C-alpha atoms as a PDB file:
ATOM      1  CA  MET A   1      19.179-124.079 122.472  1.00  0.00           C
ATOM      2  CA  GLU A   2      22.909-124.363 121.794  1.00  0.00           C
ATOM      3  CA  GLN A   3      22.936-120.833 120.338  1.00  0.00           C
ATOM      4  CA  LEU A   4      21.310-119.527 123.511  1.00  0.00           C
ATOM      5  CA  GLY A   5      24.085-121.058 125.582  1.00  0.00           C
ATOM      6  CA  GLU A   6      26.708-119.508 123.321  1.00  0.00           C
ATOM      7  CA  ARG A   7      25.056-116.070 123.590  1.00  0.00           C
ATOM      8  CA  LEU A   8      24.810-116.387 127.371  1.00  0.00           C
ATOM      9  CA  GLN A   9      28.471-117.324 127.570  1.00  0.00           C
ATOM     10  CA  GLU A  10      29.419-114.324 125.408  1.00  0.00           C
ATOM     11  CA  ILE A  11      27.284-111.956 127.488  1.00  0.00           C
ATOM     12  CA  GLY A  12      29.061-113.233 130.598  1.00  0.00           C
ATOM     13  CA  THR A  13      32.346-111.860 129.297  1.00  0.00           C
ATOM     14  CA  HIS A  14      31.062-108.270 129.258  1.00  0.00           C
ATOM     15  CA  LYS A  15      31.034-106.316 132.527  1.00  0.00           C
ATOM     16  CA  ASP A  16      28.421-103.913 131.128  1.00  0.00           C
ATOM     17  CA  HIS A  17      25.839-106.739 130.846  1.00  0.00           C
ATOM     18  CA  ALA A  18      23.987-108.553 133.609  1.00  0.00           C
ATOM     19  CA  VAL A  19      21.767-111.625 133.530  1.00  0.00           C
ATOM     20  CA  TYR A  20      19.798-112.758 136.566  1.00  0.00           C
ATOM     21  CA  VAL A  21      17.499-115.735 136.969  1.00  0.00           C
ATOM     22  CA  ALA A  22      14.700-116.613 139.357  1.00  0.00           C
ATOM     23  CA  GLU A  23      14.174-120.147 140.600  1.00  0.00           C
ATOM     24  CA  SER A  24      11.396-121.859 142.477  1.00  0.00           C
ATOM     25  CA  ASP A  25      11.756-125.438 143.717  1.00  0.00           C
ATOM     26  CA  HIS A  26      14.968-125.780 141.665  1.00  0.00           C
ATOM     27  CA  ARG A  27      13.098-124.764 138.504  1.00  0.00           C
ATOM     28  CA  LEU A  28      13.859-121.729 136.355  1.00  0.00           C
ATOM     29  CA  VAL A  29      10.819-119.438 136.531  1.00  0.00           C
ATOM     30  CA  GLY A  30      12.208-116.181 135.172  1.00  0.00           C
ATOM     31  CA  TRP A  31      15.164-114.288 133.809  1.00  0.00           C
ATOM     32  CA  ILE A  32      16.240-110.741 133.006  1.00  0.00           C
ATOM     33  CA  HIS A  33      19.019-109.329 130.817  1.00  0.00           C
ATOM     34  CA  ALA A  34      20.258-105.766 131.231  1.00  0.00           C
ATOM     35  CA  THR A  35      23.039-103.791 129.608  1.00  0.00           C
ATOM     36  CA  VAL A  36      24.594-100.375 130.031  1.00  0.00           C
ATOM     37  CA  ARG A  37      23.859 -98.136 127.045  1.00  0.00           C
ATOM     38  CA  ILE A  38      26.050 -95.172 126.192  1.00  0.00           C
ATOM     39  CA  LEU A  39      24.625 -92.794 123.598  1.00  0.00           C
ATOM     40  CA  LEU A  40      25.630 -89.347 122.414  1.00  0.00           C
ATOM     41  CA  GLU A  41      22.107 -88.015 122.834  1.00  0.00           C
ATOM     42  CA  SER A  42      21.606 -88.873 126.504  1.00  0.00           C
ATOM     43  CA  PRO A  43      23.336 -89.797 129.746  1.00  0.00           C
ATOM     44  CA  SER A  44      24.221 -93.467 130.189  1.00  0.00           C
ATOM     45  CA  PHE A  45      21.350 -95.724 131.193  1.00  0.00           C
ATOM     46  CA  VAL A  46      20.608 -99.406 131.713  1.00  0.00           C
ATOM     47  CA  GLU A  47      18.425-101.054 129.097  1.00  0.00           C
ATOM     48  CA  ILE A  48      16.438-104.112 130.061  1.00  0.00           C
ATOM     49  CA  GLY A  49      16.549-106.071 126.834  1.00  0.00           C
ATOM     50  CA  GLY A  50      14.693-109.145 128.050  1.00  0.00           C
ATOM     51  CA  LEU A  51      12.439-110.038 130.954  1.00  0.00           C
ATOM     52  CA  VAL A  52      10.577-113.334 131.039  1.00  0.00           C
ATOM     53  CA  VAL A  53       8.521-114.900 133.820  1.00  0.00           C
ATOM     54  CA  ASP A  54       7.007-118.366 133.510  1.00  0.00           C
ATOM     55  CA  GLN A  55       3.309-118.044 132.725  1.00  0.00           C
ATOM     56  CA  THR A  56       2.365-120.233 135.699  1.00  0.00           C
ATOM     57  CA  CYS A  57       4.223-117.902 138.104  1.00  0.00           C
ATOM     58  CA  ARG A  58       3.022-114.521 136.909  1.00  0.00           C
ATOM     59  CA  GLY A  59       1.484-112.256 139.516  1.00  0.00           C
ATOM     60  CA  GLU A  60       3.846-113.503 142.232  1.00  0.00           C
ATOM     61  CA  GLY A  61       6.213-110.523 142.070  1.00  0.00           C
ATOM     62  CA  ILE A  62       9.019-112.391 140.320  1.00  0.00           C
ATOM     63  CA  GLY A  63       9.320-109.835 137.517  1.00  0.00           C
ATOM     64  CA  ARG A  64       9.426-106.975 140.007  1.00  0.00           C
ATOM     65  CA  GLN A  65      12.149-108.746 142.000  1.00  0.00           C
ATOM     66  CA  LEU A  66      14.217-109.244 138.848  1.00  0.00           C
ATOM     67  CA  VAL A  67      13.834-105.569 137.879  1.00  0.00           C
ATOM     68  CA  GLU A  68      14.805-104.489 141.405  1.00  0.00           C
ATOM     69  CA  THR A  69      17.914-106.683 141.177  1.00  0.00           C
ATOM     70  CA  CYS A  70      18.868-104.925 137.937  1.00  0.00           C
ATOM     71  CA  GLU A  71      18.208-101.556 139.566  1.00  0.00           C
ATOM     72  CA  ARG A  72      20.683-102.420 142.332  1.00  0.00           C
ATOM     73  CA  TRP A  73      23.231-103.560 139.724  1.00  0.00           C
ATOM     74  CA  ALA A  74      22.763-100.308 137.777  1.00  0.00           C
ATOM     75  CA  ILE A  75      23.257 -98.184 140.884  1.00  0.00           C
ATOM     76  CA  GLN A  76      26.430-100.124 141.704  1.00  0.00           C
ATOM     77  CA  THR A  77      27.737 -99.289 138.220  1.00  0.00           C
ATOM     78  CA  GLY A  78      26.887 -95.587 138.677  1.00  0.00           C
ATOM     79  CA  ILE A  79      23.786 -95.500 136.462  1.00  0.00           C
ATOM     80  CA  SER A  80      20.610 -93.817 137.726  1.00  0.00           C
ATOM     81  CA  SER A  81      17.980 -94.591 135.069  1.00  0.00           C
ATOM     82  CA  TYR A  82      16.818 -97.499 132.962  1.00  0.00           C
ATOM     83  CA  LEU A  83      14.785 -98.265 129.865  1.00  0.00           C
ATOM     84  CA  ILE A  84      12.676-101.328 129.294  1.00  0.00           C
ATOM     85  CA  ARG A  85      12.927-102.122 125.603  1.00  0.00           C
ATOM     86  CA  ASN A  86       9.695-102.658 123.631  1.00  0.00           C
ATOM     87  CA  PHE A  87       7.711-100.699 126.205  1.00  0.00           C
ATOM     88  CA  ASN A  88       9.518 -97.427 125.478  1.00  0.00           C
ATOM     89  CA  HIS A  89       9.234 -96.565 129.157  1.00  0.00           C
ATOM     90  CA  THR A  90      12.084 -94.844 130.977  1.00  0.00           C
ATOM     91  CA  GLN A  91      12.208 -94.947 134.762  1.00  0.00           C
ATOM     92  CA  ASP A  92      14.535 -93.178 137.171  1.00  0.00           C
ATOM     93  CA  PHE A  93      15.466 -94.731 140.504  1.00  0.00           C
END
């Protein structure tokens, strides 16, 4: 768990990364990590590298809310598309 804290702290120092959490009754029920990707082969995009929702809270729209929060962050940074890693699904917004 200590390594997770160190990684989270390091991510927090990069303006091209964002981490958001969802809470319910003061309990962590989900999180999302997104980063801006710049590649030669395509325009810049936001990659969602991790999205987790507590198993007991699935189906409540928490994941969708976290993705929408990342979409707003991406738009604020001037990015208009995103990729969800491991699903190989690109979505424009």
